[in-house]
C-alpha atoms as a PDB file:
ATOM      1  CA  MET A   1      63.265  21.572  34.644  1.00  0.00           C
ATOM      2  CA  SER A   2      65.024  24.239  32.614  1.00  0.00           C
ATOM      3  CA  GLN A   3      68.399  25.503  33.783  1.00  0.00           C
ATOM      4  CA  ALA A   4      66.942  28.770  35.119  1.00  0.00           C
ATOM      5  CA  GLU A   5      63.712  27.316  36.533  1.00  0.00           C
ATOM      6  CA  VAL A   6      63.029  27.635  40.224  1.00  0.00           C
ATOM      7  CA  VAL A   7      60.481  25.371  41.899  1.00  0.00           C
ATOM      8  CA  ILE A   8      59.021  25.569  45.384  1.00  0.00           C
ATOM      9  CA  PHE A   9      57.067  22.676  46.838  1.00  0.00           C
ATOM     10  CA  HIS A  10      54.756  24.871  48.842  1.00  0.00           C
ATOM     11  CA  ASN A  11      52.054  24.707  51.480  1.00  0.00           C
ATOM     12  CA  PRO A  12      50.241  28.066  51.523  1.00  0.00           C
ATOM     13  CA  ALA A  13      49.027  27.405  55.085  1.00  0.00           C
ATOM     14  CA  CYS A  14      52.642  27.292  56.354  1.00  0.00           C
ATOM     15  CA  GLY A  15      54.256  30.570  57.431  1.00  0.00           C
ATOM     16  CA  THR A  16      57.769  29.360  56.646  1.00  0.00           C
ATOM     17  CA  SER A  17      56.678  28.295  53.176  1.00  0.00           C
ATOM     18  CA  ARG A  18      55.057  31.683  52.554  1.00  0.00           C
ATOM     19  CA  ASN A  19      58.215  33.464  53.761  1.00  0.00           C
ATOM     20  CA  VAL A  20      60.433  31.412  51.448  1.00  0.00           C
ATOM     21  CA  LEU A  21      58.137  32.109  48.495  1.00  0.00           C
ATOM     22  CA  ALA A  22      58.305  35.837  49.304  1.00  0.00           C
ATOM     23  CA  ALA A  23      62.128  35.675  49.543  1.00  0.00           C
ATOM     24  CA  LEU A  24      62.335  34.014  46.127  1.00  0.00           C
ATOM     25  CA  ARG A  25      60.158  36.708  44.606  1.00  0.00           C
ATOM     26  CA  GLU A  26      62.089  39.511  46.362  1.00  0.00           C
ATOM     27  CA  ALA A  27      65.248  38.067  44.804  1.00  0.00           C
ATOM     28  CA  GLY A  28      63.652  38.464  41.373  1.00  0.00           C
ATOM     29  CA  ARG A  29      62.791  34.789  40.924  1.00  0.00           C
ATOM     30  CA  GLU A  30      59.254  33.805  39.979  1.00  0.00           C
ATOM     31  CA  PRO A  31      59.153  30.154  40.926  1.00  0.00           C
ATOM     32  CA  LYS A  32      56.926  27.418  39.691  1.00  0.00           C
ATOM     33  CA  VAL A  33      54.735  26.873  42.759  1.00  0.00           C
ATOM     34  CA  VAL A  34      53.739  23.269  43.395  1.00  0.00           C
ATOM     35  CA  GLU A  35      51.113  22.930  46.106  1.00  0.00           C
ATOM     36  CA  TYR A  36      52.172  19.414  46.974  1.00  0.00           C
ATOM     37  CA  LEU A  37      49.191  18.759  49.247  1.00  0.00           C
ATOM     38  CA  LYS A  38      46.969  19.108  46.162  1.00  0.00           C
ATOM     39  CA  ALA A  39      49.345  17.689  43.551  1.00  0.00           C
ATOM     40  CA  GLY A  40      50.631  14.817  45.664  1.00  0.00           C
ATOM     41  CA  TRP A  41      53.997  13.128  45.338  1.00  0.00           C
ATOM     42  CA  LYS A  42      55.366  10.329  43.188  1.00  0.00           C
ATOM     43  CA  ALA A  43      57.897   7.972  44.742  1.00  0.00           C
ATOM     44  CA  ASP A  44      60.514   8.606  42.045  1.00  0.00           C
ATOM     45  CA  GLN A  45      60.037  12.369  42.368  1.00  0.00           C
ATOM     46  CA  LEU A  46      60.654  12.279  46.125  1.00  0.00           C
ATOM     47  CA  ALA A  47      63.571   9.857  45.766  1.00  0.00           C
ATOM     48  CA  ASP A  48      65.182  12.226  43.248  1.00  0.00           C
ATOM     49  CA  LEU A  49      64.712  15.257  45.515  1.00  0.00           C
ATOM     50  CA  PHE A  50      66.126  13.381  48.519  1.00  0.00           C
ATOM     51  CA  ALA A  51      69.132  12.187  46.500  1.00  0.00           C
ATOM     52  CA  ARG A  52      69.838  15.707  45.267  1.00  0.00           C
ATOM     53  CA  MET A  53      69.668  16.970  48.867  1.00  0.00           C
ATOM     54  CA  GLY A  54      71.827  14.140  50.188  1.00  0.00           C
ATOM     55  CA  ALA A  55      68.938  13.230  52.499  1.00  0.00           C
ATOM     56  CA  LYS A  56      66.880  10.179  53.383  1.00  0.00           C
ATOM     57  CA  PRO A  57      63.095  10.076  53.686  1.00  0.00           C
ATOM     58  CA  GLY A  58      63.338  10.037  57.473  1.00  0.00           C
ATOM     59  CA  ASP A  59      65.290  13.313  57.371  1.00  0.00           C
ATOM     60  CA  LEU A  60      62.271  15.090  55.887  1.00  0.00           C
ATOM     61  CA  LEU A  61      59.531  13.257  57.754  1.00  0.00           C
ATOM     62  CA  ARG A  62      57.134  15.770  59.243  1.00  0.00           C
ATOM     63  CA  VAL A  63      55.671  14.535  62.514  1.00  0.00           C
ATOM     64  CA  ARG A  64      53.868  17.575  63.930  1.00  0.00           C
ATOM     65  CA  GLY A  65      50.322  17.836  62.619  1.00  0.00           C
ATOM     66  CA  THR A  66      50.580  14.601  60.627  1.00  0.00           C
ATOM     67  CA  PRO A  67      49.646  10.938  61.044  1.00  0.00           C
ATOM     68  CA  ALA A  68      53.343   9.919  61.265  1.00  0.00           C
ATOM     69  CA  GLU A  69      53.101   8.517  64.785  1.00  0.00           C
ATOM     70  CA  GLU A  70      49.815   6.670  64.263  1.00  0.00           C
ATOM     71  CA  LEU A  71      51.262   5.132  61.086  1.00  0.00           C
ATOM     72  CA  GLY A  72      54.225   3.881  63.144  1.00  0.00           C
ATOM     73  CA  LEU A  73      56.751   5.912  61.188  1.00  0.00           C
ATOM     74  CA  THR A  74      58.505   7.279  64.277  1.00  0.00           C
ATOM     75  CA  ARG A  75      59.302   3.873  65.791  1.00  0.00           C
ATOM     76  CA  PRO A  76      62.936   2.731  65.745  1.00  0.00           C
ATOM     77  CA  GLY A  77      64.042   0.789  62.703  1.00  0.00           C
ATOM     78  CA  VAL A  78      61.475   2.063  60.216  1.00  0.00           C
ATOM     79  CA  GLY A  79      63.022   1.796  56.756  1.00  0.00           C
ATOM     80  CA  ASP A  80      63.337   4.436  54.077  1.00  0.00           C
ATOM     81  CA  ALA A  81      61.070   2.506  51.705  1.00  0.00           C
ATOM     82  CA  GLU A  82      58.243   2.424  54.248  1.00  0.00           C
ATOM     83  CA  ILE A  83      58.557   6.149  54.956  1.00  0.00           C
ATOM     84  CA  LEU A  84      58.709   6.992  51.250  1.00  0.00           C
ATOM     85  CA  GLU A  85      55.615   4.887  50.543  1.00  0.00           C
ATOM     86  CA  ALA A  86      53.750   6.649  53.372  1.00  0.00           C
ATOM     87  CA  MET A  87      54.811  10.062  52.023  1.00  0.00           C
ATOM     88  CA  VAL A  88      53.290   9.228  48.655  1.00  0.00           C
ATOM     89  CA  ARG A  89      50.028   8.142  50.315  1.00  0.00           C
ATOM     90  CA  HIS A  90      50.016  11.087  52.766  1.00  0.00           C
ATOM     91  CA  PRO A  91      51.740  14.165  51.223  1.00  0.00           C
ATOM     92  CA  ILE A  92      51.497  16.055  54.548  1.00  0.00           C
ATOM     93  CA  LEU A  93      54.277  13.797  55.868  1.00  0.00           C
ATOM     94  CA  VAL A  94      56.906  15.693  53.842  1.00  0.00           C
ATOM     95  CA  GLU A  95      58.516  18.706  55.524  1.00  0.00           C
ATOM     96  CA  ARG A  96      58.230  21.940  53.635  1.00  0.00           C
ATOM     97  CA  PRO A  97      59.148  24.000  51.756  1.00  0.00           C
ATOM     98  CA  ILE A  98      61.517  22.244  49.398  1.00  0.00           C
ATOM     99  CA  VAL A  99      63.151  24.578  46.881  1.00  0.00           C
ATOM    100  CA  VAL A 100      64.881  23.608  43.646  1.00  0.00           C
ATOM    101  CA  THR A 101      67.110  26.086  41.795  1.00  0.00           C
ATOM    102  CA  PRO A 102      70.038  25.718  39.404  1.00  0.00           C
ATOM    103  CA  LYS A 103      72.233  25.991  42.531  1.00  0.00           C
ATOM    104  CA  GLY A 104      70.719  22.970  44.253  1.00  0.00           C
ATOM    105  CA  VAL A 105      67.850  21.530  46.248  1.00  0.00           C
ATOM    106  CA  ALA A 106      67.133  22.167  49.923  1.00  0.00           C
ATOM    107  CA  LEU A 107      64.551  21.959  52.629  1.00  0.00           C
ATOM    108  CA  CYS A 108      64.230  25.644  53.459  1.00  0.00           C
ATOM    109  CA  ARG A 109      63.266  25.345  57.105  1.00  0.00           C
ATOM    110  CA  PRO A 110      64.198  27.739  58.601  1.00  0.00           C
ATOM    111  CA  ALA A 111      63.461  30.173  55.796  1.00  0.00           C
ATOM    112  CA  GLU A 112      67.051  31.511  55.734  1.00  0.00           C
ATOM    113  CA  ARG A 113      68.165  28.244  54.133  1.00  0.00           C
ATOM    114  CA  VAL A 114      66.882  29.562  50.805  1.00  0.00           C
ATOM    115  CA  GLN A 115      69.664  32.186  50.599  1.00  0.00           C
ATOM    116  CA  PRO A 116      72.426  29.882  49.238  1.00  0.00           C
ATOM    117  CA  LEU A 117      70.042  28.765  46.486  1.00  0.00           C
ATOM    118  CA  LEU A 118      69.462  32.294  45.151  1.00  0.00           C
END
């Protein structure tokens, strides 16, 4: 990623994701848009994003509208490695949108969380 590059890991079906993309563009930033449901995730990619956010996989585990519960990912004691592996197999398990700018990386839910990254 270049110093000035902005990336949004985006789901076009998500209203919050669309709002964050619009906010980036209104701020004069044309981000690289990664539709992660199509592109998928790599374990090292997610681990890097989580580390840069100071988060663990469980912090960004999306439960609503996903197979998280049926996969047993919401039970007590599930480890980070198991959640990360499931996220790679099932990209929908990752909360969205995640935005990367030269100022940092954040889960921008709610959409206002993008402001400090601009």
